[in-house]
N, C-alpha and C. Protein backbone atom coordinates (compact mmCIF):
# COMPACT_ATOMS: atom_id res chain seq x y z
N MET A 1 0.83 -1.19 0.00
CA MET A 1 0.00 0.00 0.00
C MET A 1 0.87 1.24 0.00
N LYS A 2 0.35 2.27 -0.61
CA LYS A 2 1.06 3.54 -0.60
C LYS A 2 0.38 4.49 0.36
N PHE A 3 1.20 5.09 1.18
CA PHE A 3 0.70 6.05 2.17
C PHE A 3 1.43 7.38 2.03
N SER A 4 1.69 7.79 0.80
CA SER A 4 2.47 9.01 0.61
C SER A 4 1.76 10.24 1.15
N ALA A 5 0.45 10.35 0.97
CA ALA A 5 -0.27 11.52 1.50
C ALA A 5 -0.24 11.52 3.02
N GLU A 6 -0.44 10.35 3.62
CA GLU A 6 -0.41 10.25 5.08
C GLU A 6 1.00 10.53 5.60
N TYR A 7 1.99 10.02 4.89
CA TYR A 7 3.38 10.24 5.27
C TYR A 7 3.70 11.73 5.27
N GLN A 8 3.30 12.42 4.20
CA GLN A 8 3.57 13.86 4.11
C GLN A 8 2.83 14.63 5.20
N ALA A 9 1.59 14.27 5.46
CA ALA A 9 0.82 14.96 6.50
C ALA A 9 1.45 14.75 7.87
N LEU A 10 1.85 13.52 8.14
CA LEU A 10 2.47 13.22 9.43
C LEU A 10 3.82 13.91 9.56
N SER A 11 4.55 13.96 8.48
CA SER A 11 5.84 14.64 8.49
C SER A 11 5.69 16.13 8.80
N LYS A 12 4.69 16.75 8.18
CA LYS A 12 4.43 18.18 8.44
C LYS A 12 4.00 18.40 9.89
N LEU A 13 3.17 17.50 10.39
CA LEU A 13 2.73 17.60 11.79
C LEU A 13 3.92 17.50 12.73
N ILE A 14 4.82 16.58 12.46
CA ILE A 14 6.02 16.42 13.29
C ILE A 14 6.86 17.68 13.26
N ASP A 15 7.04 18.26 12.08
CA ASP A 15 7.83 19.49 11.96
C ASP A 15 7.21 20.62 12.78
N LYS A 16 5.89 20.78 12.69
CA LYS A 16 5.22 21.84 13.46
C LYS A 16 5.33 21.59 14.96
N LEU A 17 5.20 20.34 15.35
CA LEU A 17 5.30 19.99 16.76
C LEU A 17 6.72 20.22 17.28
N ARG A 18 7.71 19.94 16.46
CA ARG A 18 9.11 20.23 16.85
C ARG A 18 9.30 21.72 17.09
N GLU A 19 8.71 22.54 16.21
CA GLU A 19 8.81 23.99 16.38
C GLU A 19 8.19 24.42 17.70
N LYS A 20 7.03 23.86 18.03
CA LYS A 20 6.38 24.18 19.30
C LYS A 20 7.23 23.73 20.47
N HIS A 21 7.83 22.55 20.34
CA HIS A 21 8.69 22.03 21.41
C HIS A 21 9.88 22.96 21.63
N GLU A 22 10.48 23.41 20.53
CA GLU A 22 11.62 24.34 20.64
C GLU A 22 11.20 25.62 21.34
N LYS A 23 10.00 26.12 21.03
CA LYS A 23 9.50 27.34 21.66
C LYS A 23 9.32 27.13 23.16
N VAL A 24 8.74 26.00 23.54
CA VAL A 24 8.56 25.71 24.97
C VAL A 24 9.92 25.60 25.66
N GLU A 25 10.89 24.97 25.00
CA GLU A 25 12.24 24.86 25.58
C GLU A 25 12.88 26.24 25.75
N GLU A 26 12.65 27.14 24.80
CA GLU A 26 13.16 28.50 24.92
C GLU A 26 12.53 29.21 26.12
N ILE A 27 11.23 29.03 26.28
CA ILE A 27 10.52 29.64 27.42
C ILE A 27 11.09 29.12 28.73
N ILE A 28 11.32 27.82 28.79
CA ILE A 28 11.89 27.22 30.01
C ILE A 28 13.25 27.83 30.31
N SER A 29 14.09 27.92 29.30
CA SER A 29 15.43 28.47 29.47
C SER A 29 15.36 29.92 29.96
N GLU A 30 14.50 30.72 29.36
CA GLU A 30 14.34 32.12 29.77
C GLU A 30 13.85 32.21 31.21
N ARG A 31 12.90 31.36 31.56
CA ARG A 31 12.36 31.37 32.92
C ARG A 31 13.42 30.95 33.93
N GLU A 32 14.24 29.95 33.57
CA GLU A 32 15.31 29.51 34.47
C GLU A 32 16.35 30.60 34.66
N ASP A 33 16.69 31.30 33.58
CA ASP A 33 17.63 32.41 33.68
C ASP A 33 17.08 33.51 34.58
N TYR A 34 15.82 33.85 34.36
CA TYR A 34 15.18 34.89 35.17
C TYR A 34 15.19 34.50 36.64
N PHE A 35 14.81 33.26 36.92
CA PHE A 35 14.75 32.78 38.30
C PHE A 35 16.13 32.84 38.95
N SER A 36 17.15 32.41 38.21
CA SER A 36 18.50 32.37 38.81
C SER A 36 19.08 33.76 39.04
N GLU A 37 18.58 34.75 38.31
CA GLU A 37 19.06 36.12 38.49
C GLU A 37 18.41 36.82 39.69
N LYS A 38 17.33 36.25 40.18
CA LYS A 38 16.64 36.84 41.33
C LYS A 38 17.39 36.50 42.62
N SER A 39 17.10 37.27 43.64
CA SER A 39 17.75 37.04 44.93
C SER A 39 17.26 35.73 45.55
N GLY A 40 18.07 35.19 46.44
CA GLY A 40 17.68 33.99 47.16
C GLY A 40 16.40 34.21 47.95
N ARG A 41 16.24 35.42 48.46
CA ARG A 41 15.04 35.74 49.23
C ARG A 41 13.80 35.63 48.34
N TRP A 42 13.90 36.19 47.13
CA TRP A 42 12.77 36.11 46.21
C TRP A 42 12.52 34.66 45.80
N GLN A 43 13.59 33.93 45.51
CA GLN A 43 13.45 32.53 45.08
C GLN A 43 12.71 31.70 46.13
N GLU A 44 12.94 32.03 47.40
CA GLU A 44 12.31 31.27 48.48
C GLU A 44 10.95 31.84 48.89
N SER A 45 10.56 32.95 48.28
CA SER A 45 9.26 33.56 48.61
C SER A 45 8.13 32.83 47.89
N GLU A 46 6.92 33.22 48.22
CA GLU A 46 5.76 32.62 47.55
C GLU A 46 5.78 32.92 46.05
N ALA A 47 6.19 34.14 45.70
CA ALA A 47 6.27 34.50 44.29
C ALA A 47 7.29 33.62 43.57
N GLY A 48 8.42 33.41 44.21
CA GLY A 48 9.45 32.55 43.63
C GLY A 48 8.97 31.11 43.49
N TYR A 49 8.29 30.66 44.51
CA TYR A 49 7.75 29.30 44.49
C TYR A 49 6.74 29.15 43.35
N ASN A 50 5.84 30.11 43.22
CA ASN A 50 4.83 30.07 42.16
C ASN A 50 5.48 30.12 40.77
N TYR A 51 6.50 30.94 40.66
CA TYR A 51 7.22 31.05 39.39
C TYR A 51 7.88 29.72 39.05
N SER A 52 8.49 29.12 40.03
CA SER A 52 9.15 27.83 39.85
C SER A 52 8.15 26.75 39.46
N GLU A 53 6.99 26.75 40.09
CA GLU A 53 5.93 25.79 39.78
C GLU A 53 5.48 25.93 38.33
N LYS A 54 5.34 27.16 37.88
CA LYS A 54 4.92 27.41 36.49
C LYS A 54 5.99 26.91 35.52
N THR A 55 7.24 27.10 35.87
CA THR A 55 8.33 26.60 35.03
C THR A 55 8.28 25.08 34.97
N GLU A 56 7.98 24.44 36.09
CA GLU A 56 7.84 22.99 36.10
C GLU A 56 6.68 22.53 35.22
N ASP A 57 5.63 23.34 35.17
CA ASP A 57 4.52 23.03 34.27
C ASP A 57 4.98 23.06 32.80
N PHE A 58 5.78 24.05 32.47
CA PHE A 58 6.34 24.12 31.11
C PHE A 58 7.23 22.90 30.83
N GLU A 59 8.01 22.49 31.83
CA GLU A 59 8.88 21.33 31.65
C GLU A 59 8.05 20.06 31.43
N ALA A 60 6.94 19.94 32.15
CA ALA A 60 6.06 18.79 31.95
C ALA A 60 5.46 18.81 30.55
N THR A 61 5.09 19.99 30.10
CA THR A 61 4.55 20.14 28.75
C THR A 61 5.60 19.74 27.71
N ALA A 62 6.83 20.19 27.91
CA ALA A 62 7.90 19.83 26.98
C ALA A 62 8.10 18.32 26.96
N GLY A 63 8.04 17.69 28.11
CA GLY A 63 8.17 16.23 28.18
C GLY A 63 7.04 15.52 27.45
N ALA A 64 5.83 16.04 27.62
CA ALA A 64 4.68 15.45 26.93
C ALA A 64 4.81 15.60 25.42
N ILE A 65 5.27 16.75 24.98
CA ILE A 65 5.47 16.96 23.54
C ILE A 65 6.53 16.00 23.02
N GLU A 66 7.60 15.80 23.78
CA GLU A 66 8.64 14.85 23.37
C GLU A 66 8.07 13.45 23.21
N ASN A 67 7.22 13.04 24.15
CA ASN A 67 6.61 11.71 24.06
C ASN A 67 5.75 11.57 22.82
N VAL A 68 4.97 12.62 22.53
CA VAL A 68 4.13 12.60 21.33
C VAL A 68 5.01 12.54 20.08
N LEU A 69 6.07 13.34 20.08
CA LEU A 69 6.99 13.33 18.93
C LEU A 69 7.57 11.94 18.72
N ASP A 70 7.99 11.29 19.78
CA ASP A 70 8.53 9.93 19.67
C ASP A 70 7.51 8.99 19.05
N SER A 71 6.28 9.06 19.49
CA SER A 71 5.22 8.20 18.96
C SER A 71 4.96 8.49 17.49
N LEU A 72 4.90 9.77 17.15
CA LEU A 72 4.65 10.14 15.76
C LEU A 72 5.80 9.72 14.86
N GLU A 73 7.03 9.85 15.36
CA GLU A 73 8.18 9.43 14.57
C GLU A 73 8.19 7.92 14.36
N ASP A 74 7.75 7.18 15.37
CA ASP A 74 7.60 5.73 15.21
C ASP A 74 6.56 5.41 14.14
N ALA A 75 5.45 6.14 14.17
CA ALA A 75 4.40 5.93 13.17
C ALA A 75 4.91 6.28 11.78
N LEU A 76 5.70 7.33 11.69
CA LEU A 76 6.27 7.72 10.40
C LEU A 76 7.19 6.63 9.88
N SER A 77 7.98 6.05 10.75
CA SER A 77 8.88 4.96 10.35
C SER A 77 8.08 3.76 9.86
N THR A 78 6.97 3.49 10.52
CA THR A 78 6.11 2.38 10.10
C THR A 78 5.55 2.65 8.70
N LEU A 79 5.12 3.88 8.45
CA LEU A 79 4.62 4.22 7.12
C LEU A 79 5.70 4.07 6.06
N GLU A 80 6.94 4.40 6.42
CA GLU A 80 8.05 4.25 5.47
C GLU A 80 8.24 2.80 5.07
N GLU A 81 8.01 1.92 6.03
CA GLU A 81 8.24 0.49 5.80
C GLU A 81 7.13 -0.13 4.96
N LEU A 82 5.97 0.48 4.91
CA LEU A 82 4.85 -0.11 4.18
C LEU A 82 4.93 0.16 2.69
């Protein structure tokens, strides 16, 4: 069977998802830099804690995107084999 249309669609989806993943990783990096530049007092405050929690949410999102990318890339490989 030929799955060229599906292959192309999946490939485009993977590319777009990679772009989103890169953006989330950039946000995480910026947030980590911002956090590390703040005083220890701020880092240990409620505001610092909340900021850190939000950064962890971004990290969880990045991890979820990576998992989806892995699954989609596996599916793409399967389509290549067919």
